[in-house]
Amino acid sequence: MALDPLELARRIVEVIADKKGEDVLLLDIRDVSILADYFVIGSSTSERQAKAIIEDIKQEMKRTFEVRPLHIEGEPATGWVLMDYGGVVVHLFAPDVRAYYDLEGLWRDGRIVVRLL
């Protein structure tokens, strides 16, 4: 059975929320991009928290869905980590870096599926 990208994305949102990530957004970009089906965007308040969130996402996706990220770009120390799961791309930011890049504004034509403030 094929992996449902929405199910994967929703579980990633839950993992980020469980680790006290902030302003978590699940954005459906299927109608506006061929890059992925969904973006999950979240913020972490510290490098340590970002590392914990990233590690938990990797472990939970492997355990639950038997998938690993195709690629990981960036480091918690830089304020931005991208995790590519094919149909789902995760962006974890420090708040100031998130505001600077404004992915929500860039992808405003996407449909918000979930927003946890």
PDB file of N, CA and C in Angstrom:
ATOM      1  N   MET A   1       0.839  -1.189   0.000  1.00  0.00           N
ATOM      2  CA  MET A   1       0.000   0.000   0.000  1.00  0.00           C
ATOM      3  C   MET A   1       0.885   1.254   0.000  1.00  0.00           C
ATOM      4  N   ALA A   2       0.563   2.192  -0.821  1.00  0.00           N
ATOM      5  CA  ALA A   2       1.357   3.412  -0.955  1.00  0.00           C
ATOM      6  C   ALA A   2       1.183   4.318   0.266  1.00  0.00           C
ATOM      7  N   LEU A   3       2.228   5.015   0.583  1.00  0.00           N
ATOM      8  CA  LEU A   3       2.216   5.947   1.696  1.00  0.00           C
ATOM      9  C   LEU A   3       1.385   7.171   1.330  1.00  0.00           C
ATOM     10  N   ASP A   4       0.453   7.538   2.197  1.00  0.00           N
ATOM     11  CA  ASP A   4      -0.381   8.717   1.994  1.00  0.00           C
ATOM     12  C   ASP A   4       0.380   9.954   2.499  1.00  0.00           C
ATOM     13  N   PRO A   5       0.761  10.864   1.601  1.00  0.00           N
ATOM     14  CA  PRO A   5       1.523  12.039   2.034  1.00  0.00           C
ATOM     15  C   PRO A   5       0.797  12.869   3.100  1.00  0.00           C
ATOM     16  N   LEU A   6      -0.522  12.954   3.024  1.00  0.00           N
ATOM     17  CA  LEU A   6      -1.265  13.735   4.018  1.00  0.00           C
ATOM     18  C   LEU A   6      -1.165  13.085   5.397  1.00  0.00           C
ATOM     19  N   GLU A   7      -1.252  11.771   5.454  1.00  0.00           N
ATOM     20  CA  GLU A   7      -1.125  11.059   6.724  1.00  0.00           C
ATOM     21  C   GLU A   7       0.282  11.289   7.313  1.00  0.00           C
ATOM     22  N   LEU A   8       1.296  11.209   6.473  1.00  0.00           N
ATOM     23  CA  LEU A   8       2.665  11.462   6.902  1.00  0.00           C
ATOM     24  C   LEU A   8       2.806  12.892   7.427  1.00  0.00           C
ATOM     25  N   ALA A   9       2.275  13.851   6.679  1.00  0.00           N
ATOM     26  CA  ALA A   9       2.369  15.259   7.068  1.00  0.00           C
ATOM     27  C   ALA A   9       1.665  15.518   8.392  1.00  0.00           C
ATOM     28  N   ARG A  10       0.489  14.937   8.565  1.00  0.00           N
ATOM     29  CA  ARG A  10      -0.251  15.123   9.824  1.00  0.00           C
ATOM     30  C   ARG A  10       0.519  14.552  11.014  1.00  0.00           C
ATOM     31  N   ARG A  11       1.171  13.424  10.814  1.00  0.00           N
ATOM     32  CA  ARG A  11       1.945  12.834  11.910  1.00  0.00           C
ATOM     33  C   ARG A  11       3.156  13.700  12.244  1.00  0.00           C
ATOM     34  N   ILE A  12       3.777  14.287  11.225  1.00  0.00           N
ATOM     35  CA  ILE A  12       4.900  15.200  11.457  1.00  0.00           C
ATOM     36  C   ILE A  12       4.438  16.413  12.261  1.00  0.00           C
ATOM     37  N   VAL A  13       3.276  16.954  11.927  1.00  0.00           N
ATOM     38  CA  VAL A  13       2.704  18.071  12.693  1.00  0.00           C
ATOM     39  C   VAL A  13       2.548  17.672  14.156  1.00  0.00           C
ATOM     40  N   GLU A  14       2.034  16.472  14.402  1.00  0.00           N
ATOM     41  CA  GLU A  14       1.849  15.998  15.771  1.00  0.00           C
ATOM     42  C   GLU A  14       3.179  15.886  16.512  1.00  0.00           C
ATOM     43  N   VAL A  15       4.200  15.374  15.836  1.00  0.00           N
ATOM     44  CA  VAL A  15       5.518  15.239  16.464  1.00  0.00           C
ATOM     45  C   VAL A  15       6.067  16.617  16.849  1.00  0.00           C
ATOM     46  N   ILE A  16       5.961  17.578  15.950  1.00  0.00           N
ATOM     47  CA  ILE A  16       6.451  18.925  16.245  1.00  0.00           C
ATOM     48  C   ILE A  16       5.683  19.515  17.427  1.00  0.00           C
ATOM     49  N   ALA A  17       4.375  19.355  17.433  1.00  0.00           N
ATOM     50  CA  ALA A  17       3.557  19.874  18.533  1.00  0.00           C
ATOM     51  C   ALA A  17       3.892  19.179  19.853  1.00  0.00           C
ATOM     52  N   ASP A  18       4.108  17.870  19.806  1.00  0.00           N
ATOM     53  CA  ASP A  18       4.460  17.118  21.021  1.00  0.00           C
ATOM     54  C   ASP A  18       5.761  17.601  21.636  1.00  0.00           C
ATOM     55  N   LYS A  19       6.676  18.080  20.812  1.00  0.00           N
ATOM     56  CA  LYS A  19       7.974  18.592  21.284  1.00  0.00           C
ATOM     57  C   LYS A  19       7.921  20.103  21.540  1.00  0.00           C
ATOM     58  N   LYS A  20       6.723  20.634  21.604  1.00  0.00           N
ATOM     59  CA  LYS A  20       6.495  22.057  21.915  1.00  0.00           C
ATOM     60  C   LYS A  20       7.009  23.009  20.841  1.00  0.00           C
ATOM     61  N   GLY A  21       7.048  22.519  19.587  1.00  0.00           N
ATOM     62  CA  GLY A  21       7.335  23.419  18.478  1.00  0.00           C
ATOM     63  C   GLY A  21       6.206  24.435  18.381  1.00  0.00           C
ATOM     64  N   GLU A  22       6.489  25.578  17.807  1.00  0.00           N
ATOM     65  CA  GLU A  22       5.519  26.668  17.768  1.00  0.00           C
ATOM     66  C   GLU A  22       5.056  26.974  16.348  1.00  0.00           C
ATOM     67  N   ASP A  23       3.846  27.541  16.280  1.00  0.00           N
ATOM     68  CA  ASP A  23       3.269  28.030  15.019  1.00  0.00           C
ATOM     69  C   ASP A  23       3.456  27.002  13.897  1.00  0.00           C
ATOM     70  N   VAL A  24       2.883  25.830  14.098  1.00  0.00           N
ATOM     71  CA  VAL A  24       3.030  24.732  13.144  1.00  0.00           C
ATOM     72  C   VAL A  24       1.959  24.866  12.068  1.00  0.00           C
ATOM     73  N   LEU A  25       2.393  24.793  10.834  1.00  0.00           N
ATOM     74  CA  LEU A  25       1.503  24.972   9.690  1.00  0.00           C
ATOM     75  C   LEU A  25       1.647  23.793   8.740  1.00  0.00           C
ATOM     76  N   LEU A  26       0.517  23.209   8.361  1.00  0.00           N
ATOM     77  CA  LEU A  26       0.481  22.184   7.315  1.00  0.00           C
ATOM     78  C   LEU A  26      -0.190  22.825   6.114  1.00  0.00           C
ATOM     79  N   LEU A  27       0.571  22.951   5.033  1.00  0.00           N
ATOM     80  CA  LEU A  27       0.133  23.670   3.846  1.00  0.00           C
ATOM     81  C   LEU A  27       0.033  22.718   2.665  1.00  0.00           C
ATOM     82  N   ASP A  28      -1.125  22.670   2.041  1.00  0.00           N
ATOM     83  CA  ASP A  28      -1.351  21.862   0.843  1.00  0.00           C
ATOM     84  C   ASP A  28      -0.924  22.694  -0.363  1.00  0.00           C
ATOM     85  N   ILE A  29       0.152  22.264  -1.029  1.00  0.00           N
ATOM     86  CA  ILE A  29       0.670  23.034  -2.176  1.00  0.00           C
ATOM     87  C   ILE A  29       0.490  22.282  -3.504  1.00  0.00           C
ATOM     88  N   ARG A  30      -0.342  21.244  -3.502  1.00  0.00           N
ATOM     89  CA  ARG A  30      -0.504  20.431  -4.717  1.00  0.00           C
ATOM     90  C   ARG A  30      -0.953  21.242  -5.918  1.00  0.00           C
ATOM     91  N   ASP A  31      -1.790  22.255  -5.712  1.00  0.00           N
ATOM     92  CA  ASP A  31      -2.311  23.039  -6.835  1.00  0.00           C
ATOM     93  C   ASP A  31      -1.373  24.147  -7.300  1.00  0.00           C
ATOM     94  N   VAL A  32      -0.302  24.396  -6.528  1.00  0.00           N
ATOM     95  CA  VAL A  32       0.571  25.528  -6.869  1.00  0.00           C
ATOM     96  C   VAL A  32       2.025  25.148  -7.101  1.00  0.00           C
ATOM     97  N   SER A  33       2.369  23.864  -6.921  1.00  0.00           N
ATOM     98  CA  SER A  33       3.770  23.485  -7.074  1.00  0.00           C
ATOM     99  C   SER A  33       3.905  22.008  -7.424  1.00  0.00           C
ATOM    100  N   ILE A  34       4.982  21.693  -8.121  1.00  0.00           N
ATOM    101  CA  ILE A  34       5.308  20.289  -8.373  1.00  0.00           C
ATOM    102  C   ILE A  34       6.402  19.800  -7.418  1.00  0.00           C
ATOM    103  N   LEU A  35       6.858  20.680  -6.519  1.00  0.00           N
ATOM    104  CA  LEU A  35       7.932  20.331  -5.593  1.00  0.00           C
ATOM    105  C   LEU A  35       7.524  19.244  -4.606  1.00  0.00           C
ATOM    106  N   ALA A  36       6.296  19.329  -4.117  1.00  0.00           N
ATOM    107  CA  ALA A  36       5.797  18.410  -3.104  1.00  0.00           C
ATOM    108  C   ALA A  36       4.288  18.554  -3.045  1.00  0.00           C
ATOM    109  N   ASP A  37       3.652  17.696  -2.266  1.00  0.00           N
ATOM    110  CA  ASP A  37       2.215  17.819  -2.037  1.00  0.00           C
ATOM    111  C   ASP A  37       1.927  18.732  -0.852  1.00  0.00           C
ATOM    112  N   TYR A  38       2.787  18.619   0.174  1.00  0.00           N
ATOM    113  CA  TYR A  38       2.563  19.355   1.415  1.00  0.00           C
ATOM    114  C   TYR A  38       3.863  19.921   1.954  1.00  0.00           C
ATOM    115  N   PHE A  39       3.755  21.105   2.560  1.00  0.00           N
ATOM    116  CA  PHE A  39       4.819  21.676   3.370  1.00  0.00           C
ATOM    117  C   PHE A  39       4.353  21.637   4.818  1.00  0.00           C
ATOM    118  N   VAL A  40       5.246  21.233   5.700  1.00  0.00           N
ATOM    119  CA  VAL A  40       5.030  21.397   7.135  1.00  0.00           C
ATOM    120  C   VAL A  40       6.052  22.432   7.579  1.00  0.00           C
ATOM    121  N   ILE A  41       5.576  23.515   8.156  1.00  0.00           N
ATOM    122  CA  ILE A  41       6.437  24.606   8.590  1.00  0.00           C
ATOM    123  C   ILE A  41       6.242  24.780  10.093  1.00  0.00           C
ATOM    124  N   GLY A  42       7.342  24.829  10.813  1.00  0.00           N
ATOM    125  CA  GLY A  42       7.260  25.013  12.257  1.00  0.00           C
ATOM    126  C   GLY A  42       8.435  25.810  12.776  1.00  0.00           C
ATOM    127  N   SER A  43       8.306  26.279  14.008  1.00  0.00           N
ATOM    128  CA  SER A  43       9.367  27.049  14.646  1.00  0.00           C
ATOM    129  C   SER A  43       9.816  26.357  15.925  1.00  0.00           C
ATOM    130  N   SER A  44      11.105  26.491  16.213  1.00  0.00           N
ATOM    131  CA  SER A  44      11.657  26.004  17.470  1.00  0.00           C
ATOM    132  C   SER A  44      12.339  27.176  18.155  1.00  0.00           C
ATOM    133  N   THR A  45      12.310  27.169  19.472  1.00  0.00           N
ATOM    134  CA  THR A  45      12.817  28.316  20.214  1.00  0.00           C
ATOM    135  C   THR A  45      14.295  28.202  20.563  1.00  0.00           C
ATOM    136  N   SER A  46      14.897  27.040  20.305  1.00  0.00           N
ATOM    137  CA  SER A  46      16.322  26.877  20.597  1.00  0.00           C
ATOM    138  C   SER A  46      16.923  25.824  19.681  1.00  0.00           C
ATOM    139  N   GLU A  47      18.239  25.862  19.596  1.00  0.00           N
ATOM    140  CA  GLU A  47      18.950  24.856  18.802  1.00  0.00           C
ATOM    141  C   GLU A  47      18.712  23.459  19.382  1.00  0.00           C
ATOM    142  N   ARG A  48      18.733  23.372  20.686  1.00  0.00           N
ATOM    143  CA  ARG A  48      18.511  22.083  21.357  1.00  0.00           C
ATOM    144  C   ARG A  48      17.117  21.519  21.041  1.00  0.00           C
ATOM    145  N   GLN A  49      16.109  22.382  21.098  1.00  0.00           N
ATOM    146  CA  GLN A  49      14.758  21.945  20.785  1.00  0.00           C
ATOM    147  C   GLN A  49      14.668  21.511  19.323  1.00  0.00           C
ATOM    148  N   ALA A  50      15.296  22.257  18.418  1.00  0.00           N
ATOM    149  CA  ALA A  50      15.277  21.909  16.998  1.00  0.00           C
ATOM    150  C   ALA A  50      15.891  20.528  16.776  1.00  0.00           C
ATOM    151  N   LYS A  51      17.020  20.260  17.427  1.00  0.00           N
ATOM    152  CA  LYS A  51      17.653  18.947  17.294  1.00  0.00           C
ATOM    153  C   LYS A  51      16.721  17.844  17.774  1.00  0.00           C
ATOM    154  N   ALA A  52      16.038  18.068  18.892  1.00  0.00           N
ATOM    155  CA  ALA A  52      15.116  17.066  19.431  1.00  0.00           C
ATOM    156  C   ALA A  52      13.937  16.832  18.491  1.00  0.00           C
ATOM    157  N   ILE A  53      13.402  17.896  17.926  1.00  0.00           N
ATOM    158  CA  ILE A  53      12.276  17.761  16.992  1.00  0.00           C
ATOM    159  C   ILE A  53      12.700  16.983  15.754  1.00  0.00           C
ATOM    160  N   ILE A  54      13.830  17.338  15.184  1.00  0.00           N
ATOM    161  CA  ILE A  54      14.317  16.664  13.973  1.00  0.00           C
ATOM    162  C   ILE A  54      14.548  15.181  14.238  1.00  0.00           C
ATOM    163  N   GLU A  55      15.175  14.880  15.351  1.00  0.00           N
ATOM    164  CA  GLU A  55      15.440  13.477  15.690  1.00  0.00           C
ATOM    165  C   GLU A  55      14.137  12.705  15.895  1.00  0.00           C
ATOM    166  N   ASP A  56      13.177  13.319  16.570  1.00  0.00           N
ATOM    167  CA  ASP A  56      11.888  12.654  16.783  1.00  0.00           C
ATOM    168  C   ASP A  56      11.132  12.437  15.474  1.00  0.00           C
ATOM    169  N   ILE A  57      11.190  13.409  14.581  1.00  0.00           N
ATOM    170  CA  ILE A  57      10.538  13.232  13.276  1.00  0.00           C
ATOM    171  C   ILE A  57      11.159  12.035  12.563  1.00  0.00           C
ATOM    172  N   LYS A  58      12.490  11.990  12.512  1.00  0.00           N
ATOM    173  CA  LYS A  58      13.167  10.881  11.828  1.00  0.00           C
ATOM    174  C   LYS A  58      12.782   9.541  12.441  1.00  0.00           C
ATOM    175  N   GLN A  59      12.812   9.447  13.768  1.00  0.00           N
ATOM    176  CA  GLN A  59      12.500   8.186  14.438  1.00  0.00           C
ATOM    177  C   GLN A  59      11.046   7.780  14.252  1.00  0.00           C
ATOM    178  N   GLU A  60      10.140   8.739  14.397  1.00  0.00           N
ATOM    179  CA  GLU A  60       8.714   8.422  14.300  1.00  0.00           C
ATOM    180  C   GLU A  60       8.306   8.037  12.871  1.00  0.00           C
ATOM    181  N   MET A  61       8.854   8.707  11.871  1.00  0.00           N
ATOM    182  CA  MET A  61       8.502   8.374  10.487  1.00  0.00           C
ATOM    183  C   MET A  61       9.061   6.998  10.122  1.00  0.00           C
ATOM    184  N   LYS A  62      10.244   6.679  10.626  1.00  0.00           N
ATOM    185  CA  LYS A  62      10.816   5.351  10.371  1.00  0.00           C
ATOM    186  C   LYS A  62       9.989   4.274  11.064  1.00  0.00           C
ATOM    187  N   ARG A  63       9.620   4.534  12.320  1.00  0.00           N
ATOM    188  CA  ARG A  63       8.872   3.556  13.107  1.00  0.00           C
ATOM    189  C   ARG A  63       7.450   3.363  12.560  1.00  0.00           C
ATOM    190  N   THR A  64       6.772   4.455  12.283  1.00  0.00           N
ATOM    191  CA  THR A  64       5.362   4.391  11.891  1.00  0.00           C
ATOM    192  C   THR A  64       5.170   4.060  10.413  1.00  0.00           C
ATOM    193  N   PHE A  65       5.975   4.670   9.550  1.00  0.00           N
ATOM    194  CA  PHE A  65       5.751   4.545   8.112  1.00  0.00           C
ATOM    195  C   PHE A  65       6.880   3.816   7.370  1.00  0.00           C
ATOM    196  N   GLU A  66       7.942   3.469   8.098  1.00  0.00           N
ATOM    197  CA  GLU A  66       9.108   2.819   7.500  1.00  0.00           C
ATOM    198  C   GLU A  66       9.716   3.656   6.378  1.00  0.00           C
ATOM    199  N   VAL A  67       9.785   4.960   6.612  1.00  0.00           N
ATOM    200  CA  VAL A  67      10.408   5.867   5.642  1.00  0.00           C
ATOM    201  C   VAL A  67      11.468   6.718   6.338  1.00  0.00           C
ATOM    202  N   ARG A  68      12.462   7.061   5.560  1.00  0.00           N
ATOM    203  CA  ARG A  68      13.509   7.969   6.003  1.00  0.00           C
ATOM    204  C   ARG A  68      13.462   9.192   5.089  1.00  0.00           C
ATOM    205  N   PRO A  69      13.975  10.318   5.569  1.00  0.00           N
ATOM    206  CA  PRO A  69      14.007  11.486   4.672  1.00  0.00           C
ATOM    207  C   PRO A  69      14.920  11.209   3.480  1.00  0.00           C
ATOM    208  N   LEU A  70      14.504  11.679   2.326  1.00  0.00           N
ATOM    209  CA  LEU A  70      15.329  11.544   1.126  1.00  0.00           C
ATOM    210  C   LEU A  70      16.570  12.419   1.241  1.00  0.00           C
ATOM    211  N   HIS A  71      16.390  13.541   1.932  1.00  0.00           N
ATOM    212  CA  HIS A  71      17.480  14.512   2.054  1.00  0.00           C
ATOM    213  C   HIS A  71      17.198  15.409   3.257  1.00  0.00           C
ATOM    214  N   ILE A  72      18.243  15.804   3.939  1.00  0.00           N
ATOM    215  CA  ILE A  72      18.143  16.801   5.002  1.00  0.00           C
ATOM    216  C   ILE A  72      19.142  17.897   4.680  1.00  0.00           C
ATOM    217  N   GLU A  73      18.678  19.126   4.725  1.00  0.00           N
ATOM    218  CA  GLU A  73      19.505  20.291   4.401  1.00  0.00           C
ATOM    219  C   GLU A  73      19.497  21.233   5.599  1.00  0.00           C
ATOM    220  N   GLY A  74      20.629  21.847   5.892  1.00  0.00           N
ATOM    221  CA  GLY A  74      20.704  22.821   6.968  1.00  0.00           C
ATOM    222  C   GLY A  74      21.032  22.181   8.304  1.00  0.00           C
ATOM    223  N   GLU A  75      21.225  23.027   9.287  1.00  0.00           N
ATOM    224  CA  GLU A  75      21.568  22.605  10.646  1.00  0.00           C
ATOM    225  C   GLU A  75      20.780  23.454  11.632  1.00  0.00           C
ATOM    226  N   PRO A  76      20.440  22.883  12.786  1.00  0.00           N
ATOM    227  CA  PRO A  76      19.737  23.695  13.787  1.00  0.00           C
ATOM    228  C   PRO A  76      20.472  24.989  14.132  1.00  0.00           C
ATOM    229  N   ALA A  77      21.789  24.968  14.116  1.00  0.00           N
ATOM    230  CA  ALA A  77      22.567  26.169  14.453  1.00  0.00           C
ATOM    231  C   ALA A  77      22.344  27.312  13.466  1.00  0.00           C
ATOM    232  N   THR A  78      21.947  26.996  12.236  1.00  0.00           N
ATOM    233  CA  THR A  78      21.716  28.036  11.230  1.00  0.00           C
ATOM    234  C   THR A  78      20.313  28.623  11.309  1.00  0.00           C
ATOM    235  N   GLY A  79      19.419  27.967  12.055  1.00  0.00           N
ATOM    236  CA  GLY A  79      18.051  28.460  12.181  1.00  0.00           C
ATOM    237  C   GLY A  79      17.086  27.908  11.148  1.00  0.00           C
ATOM    238  N   TRP A  80      17.553  26.992  10.285  1.00  0.00           N
ATOM    239  CA  TRP A  80      16.641  26.416   9.296  1.00  0.00           C
ATOM    240  C   TRP A  80      17.103  25.013   8.933  1.00  0.00           C
ATOM    241  N   VAL A  81      16.196  24.064   9.084  1.00  0.00           N
ATOM    242  CA  VAL A  81      16.454  22.695   8.655  1.00  0.00           C
ATOM    243  C   VAL A  81      15.307  22.277   7.745  1.00  0.00           C
ATOM    244  N   LEU A  82      15.658  21.708   6.611  1.00  0.00           N
ATOM    245  CA  LEU A  82      14.686  21.192   5.653  1.00  0.00           C
ATOM    246  C   LEU A  82      14.821  19.676   5.629  1.00  0.00           C
ATOM    247  N   MET A  83      13.696  18.988   5.752  1.00  0.00           N
ATOM    248  CA  MET A  83      13.662  17.528   5.662  1.00  0.00           C
ATOM    249  C   MET A  83      12.742  17.157   4.495  1.00  0.00           C
ATOM    250  N   ASP A  84      13.280  16.450   3.527  1.00  0.00           N
ATOM    251  CA  ASP A  84      12.532  16.102   2.319  1.00  0.00           C
ATOM    252  C   ASP A  84      12.065  14.654   2.399  1.00  0.00           C
ATOM    253  N   TYR A  85      10.756  14.484   2.490  1.00  0.00           N
ATOM    254  CA  TYR A  85      10.153  13.156   2.480  1.00  0.00           C
ATOM    255  C   TYR A  85       9.412  12.901   1.161  1.00  0.00           C
ATOM    256  N   GLY A  86       9.848  13.530   0.093  1.00  0.00           N
ATOM    257  CA  GLY A  86       9.199  13.347  -1.205  1.00  0.00           C
ATOM    258  C   GLY A  86       7.951  14.200  -1.300  1.00  0.00           C
ATOM    259  N   GLY A  87       6.811  13.620  -1.008  1.00  0.00           N
ATOM    260  CA  GLY A  87       5.547  14.355  -1.067  1.00  0.00           C
ATOM    261  C   GLY A  87       5.370  15.359   0.048  1.00  0.00           C
ATOM    262  N   VAL A  88       6.212  15.266   1.069  1.00  0.00           N
ATOM    263  CA  VAL A  88       6.131  16.168   2.224  1.00  0.00           C
ATOM    264  C   VAL A  88       7.510  16.768   2.477  1.00  0.00           C
ATOM    265  N   VAL A  89       7.567  18.088   2.548  1.00  0.00           N
ATOM    266  CA  VAL A  89       8.807  18.776   2.876  1.00  0.00           C
ATOM    267  C   VAL A  89       8.585  19.522   4.192  1.00  0.00           C
ATOM    268  N   VAL A  90       9.487  19.276   5.138  1.00  0.00           N
ATOM    269  CA  VAL A  90       9.409  19.882   6.463  1.00  0.00           C
ATOM    270  C   VAL A  90      10.421  21.019   6.540  1.00  0.00           C
ATOM    271  N   HIS A  91       9.955  22.171   7.012  1.00  0.00           N
ATOM    272  CA  HIS A  91      10.820  23.326   7.245  1.00  0.00           C
ATOM    273  C   HIS A  91      10.732  23.650   8.732  1.00  0.00           C
ATOM    274  N   LEU A  92      11.842  23.521   9.442  1.00  0.00           N
ATOM    275  CA  LEU A  92      11.879  23.880  10.856  1.00  0.00           C
ATOM    276  C   LEU A  92      12.806  25.076  11.017  1.00  0.00           C
ATOM    277  N   PHE A  93      12.244  26.152  11.551  1.00  0.00           N
ATOM    278  CA  PHE A  93      12.948  27.439  11.624  1.00  0.00           C
ATOM    279  C   PHE A  93      13.120  27.928  13.047  1.00  0.00           C
ATOM    280  N   ALA A  94      14.152  28.751  13.248  1.00  0.00           N
ATOM    281  CA  ALA A  94      14.178  29.662  14.389  1.00  0.00           C
ATOM    282  C   ALA A  94      13.207  30.788  14.020  1.00  0.00           C
ATOM    283  N   PRO A  95      12.488  31.373  14.989  1.00  0.00           N
ATOM    284  CA  PRO A  95      11.465  32.384  14.653  1.00  0.00           C
ATOM    285  C   PRO A  95      11.955  33.538  13.789  1.00  0.00           C
ATOM    286  N   ASP A  96      13.144  34.089  14.060  1.00  0.00           N
ATOM    287  CA  ASP A  96      13.636  35.223  13.269  1.00  0.00           C
ATOM    288  C   ASP A  96      13.962  34.822  11.833  1.00  0.00           C
ATOM    289  N   VAL A  97      14.478  33.622  11.646  1.00  0.00           N
ATOM    290  CA  VAL A  97      14.789  33.131  10.302  1.00  0.00           C
ATOM    291  C   VAL A  97      13.494  32.863   9.541  1.00  0.00           C
ATOM    292  N   ARG A  98      12.519  32.318  10.233  1.00  0.00           N
ATOM    293  CA  ARG A  98      11.209  32.073   9.610  1.00  0.00           C
ATOM    294  C   ARG A  98      10.589  33.380   9.134  1.00  0.00           C
ATOM    295  N   ALA A  99      10.638  34.395   9.959  1.00  0.00           N
ATOM    296  CA  ALA A  99      10.080  35.698   9.567  1.00  0.00           C
ATOM    297  C   ALA A  99      10.821  36.260   8.356  1.00  0.00           C
ATOM    298  N   TYR A 100      12.133  36.100   8.321  1.00  0.00           N
ATOM    299  CA  TYR A 100      12.937  36.617   7.214  1.00  0.00           C
ATOM    300  C   TYR A 100      12.563  35.953   5.888  1.00  0.00           C
ATOM    301  N   TYR A 101      12.455  34.630   5.885  1.00  0.00           N
ATOM    302  CA  TYR A 101      12.174  33.911   4.634  1.00  0.00           C
ATOM    303  C   TYR A 101      10.697  33.899   4.268  1.00  0.00           C
ATOM    304  N   ASP A 102       9.812  34.051   5.219  1.00  0.00           N
ATOM    305  CA  ASP A 102       8.369  34.190   4.990  1.00  0.00           C
ATOM    306  C   ASP A 102       7.810  33.187   3.974  1.00  0.00           C
ATOM    307  N   LEU A 103       8.035  31.903   4.253  1.00  0.00           N
ATOM    308  CA  LEU A 103       7.497  30.875   3.345  1.00  0.00           C
ATOM    309  C   LEU A 103       5.978  30.923   3.250  1.00  0.00           C
ATOM    310  N   GLU A 104       5.322  31.287   4.344  1.00  0.00           N
ATOM    311  CA  GLU A 104       3.858  31.395   4.293  1.00  0.00           C
ATOM    312  C   GLU A 104       3.419  32.428   3.273  1.00  0.00           C
ATOM    313  N   GLY A 105       4.138  33.540   3.201  1.00  0.00           N
ATOM    314  CA  GLY A 105       3.827  34.563   2.209  1.00  0.00           C
ATOM    315  C   GLY A 105       4.159  34.105   0.802  1.00  0.00           C
ATOM    316  N   LEU A 106       5.294  33.446   0.653  1.00  0.00           N
ATOM    317  CA  LEU A 106       5.721  32.943  -0.654  1.00  0.00           C
ATOM    318  C   LEU A 106       4.735  31.915  -1.206  1.00  0.00           C
ATOM    319  N   TRP A 107       4.202  31.061  -0.325  1.00  0.00           N
ATOM    320  CA  TRP A 107       3.290  29.992  -0.722  1.00  0.00           C
ATOM    321  C   TRP A 107       1.853  30.292  -0.304  1.00  0.00           C
ATOM    322  N   ARG A 108       1.478  31.579  -0.282  1.00  0.00           N
ATOM    323  CA  ARG A 108       0.142  31.975   0.176  1.00  0.00           C
ATOM    324  C   ARG A 108      -0.995  31.409  -0.666  1.00  0.00           C
ATOM    325  N   ASP A 109      -0.694  30.953  -1.879  1.00  0.00           N
ATOM    326  CA  ASP A 109      -1.739  30.354  -2.709  1.00  0.00           C
ATOM    327  C   ASP A 109      -1.996  28.897  -2.322  1.00  0.00           C
ATOM    328  N   GLY A 110      -1.184  28.351  -1.445  1.00  0.00           N
ATOM    329  CA  GLY A 110      -1.439  27.014  -0.924  1.00  0.00           C
ATOM    330  C   GLY A 110      -2.612  27.054   0.046  1.00  0.00           C
ATOM    331  N   ARG A 111      -3.175  25.898   0.323  1.00  0.00           N
ATOM    332  CA  ARG A 111      -4.336  25.816   1.216  1.00  0.00           C
ATOM    333  C   ARG A 111      -3.881  25.365   2.601  1.00  0.00           C
ATOM    334  N   ILE A 112      -4.253  26.127   3.613  1.00  0.00           N
ATOM    335  CA  ILE A 112      -3.911  25.739   4.994  1.00  0.00           C
ATOM    336  C   ILE A 112      -4.777  24.550   5.395  1.00  0.00           C
ATOM    337  N   VAL A 113      -4.124  23.452   5.783  1.00  0.00           N
ATOM    338  CA  VAL A 113      -4.826  22.256   6.247  1.00  0.00           C
ATOM    339  C   VAL A 113      -4.925  22.283   7.761  1.00  0.00           C
ATOM    340  N   VAL A 114      -3.817  22.614   8.421  1.00  0.00           N
ATOM    341  CA  VAL A 114      -3.764  22.691   9.887  1.00  0.00           C
ATOM    342  C   VAL A 114      -2.861  23.847  10.268  1.00  0.00           C
ATOM    343  N   ARG A 115      -3.259  24.593  11.292  1.00  0.00           N
ATOM    344  CA  ARG A 115      -2.388  25.622  11.879  1.00  0.00           C
ATOM    345  C   ARG A 115      -2.517  25.532  13.382  1.00  0.00           C
ATOM    346  N   LEU A 116      -1.405  25.241  14.047  1.00  0.00           N
ATOM    347  CA  LEU A 116      -1.361  25.179  15.499  1.00  0.00           C
ATOM    348  C   LEU A 116      -0.504  26.332  15.998  1.00  0.00           C
ATOM    349  N   LEU A 117      -1.106  27.250  16.714  1.00  0.00           N
ATOM    350  CA  LEU A 117      -0.360  28.418  17.203  1.00  0.00           C
ATOM    351  C   LEU A 117       0.230  28.174  18.559  1.00  0.00           C
TER     352      LEU A 117
END
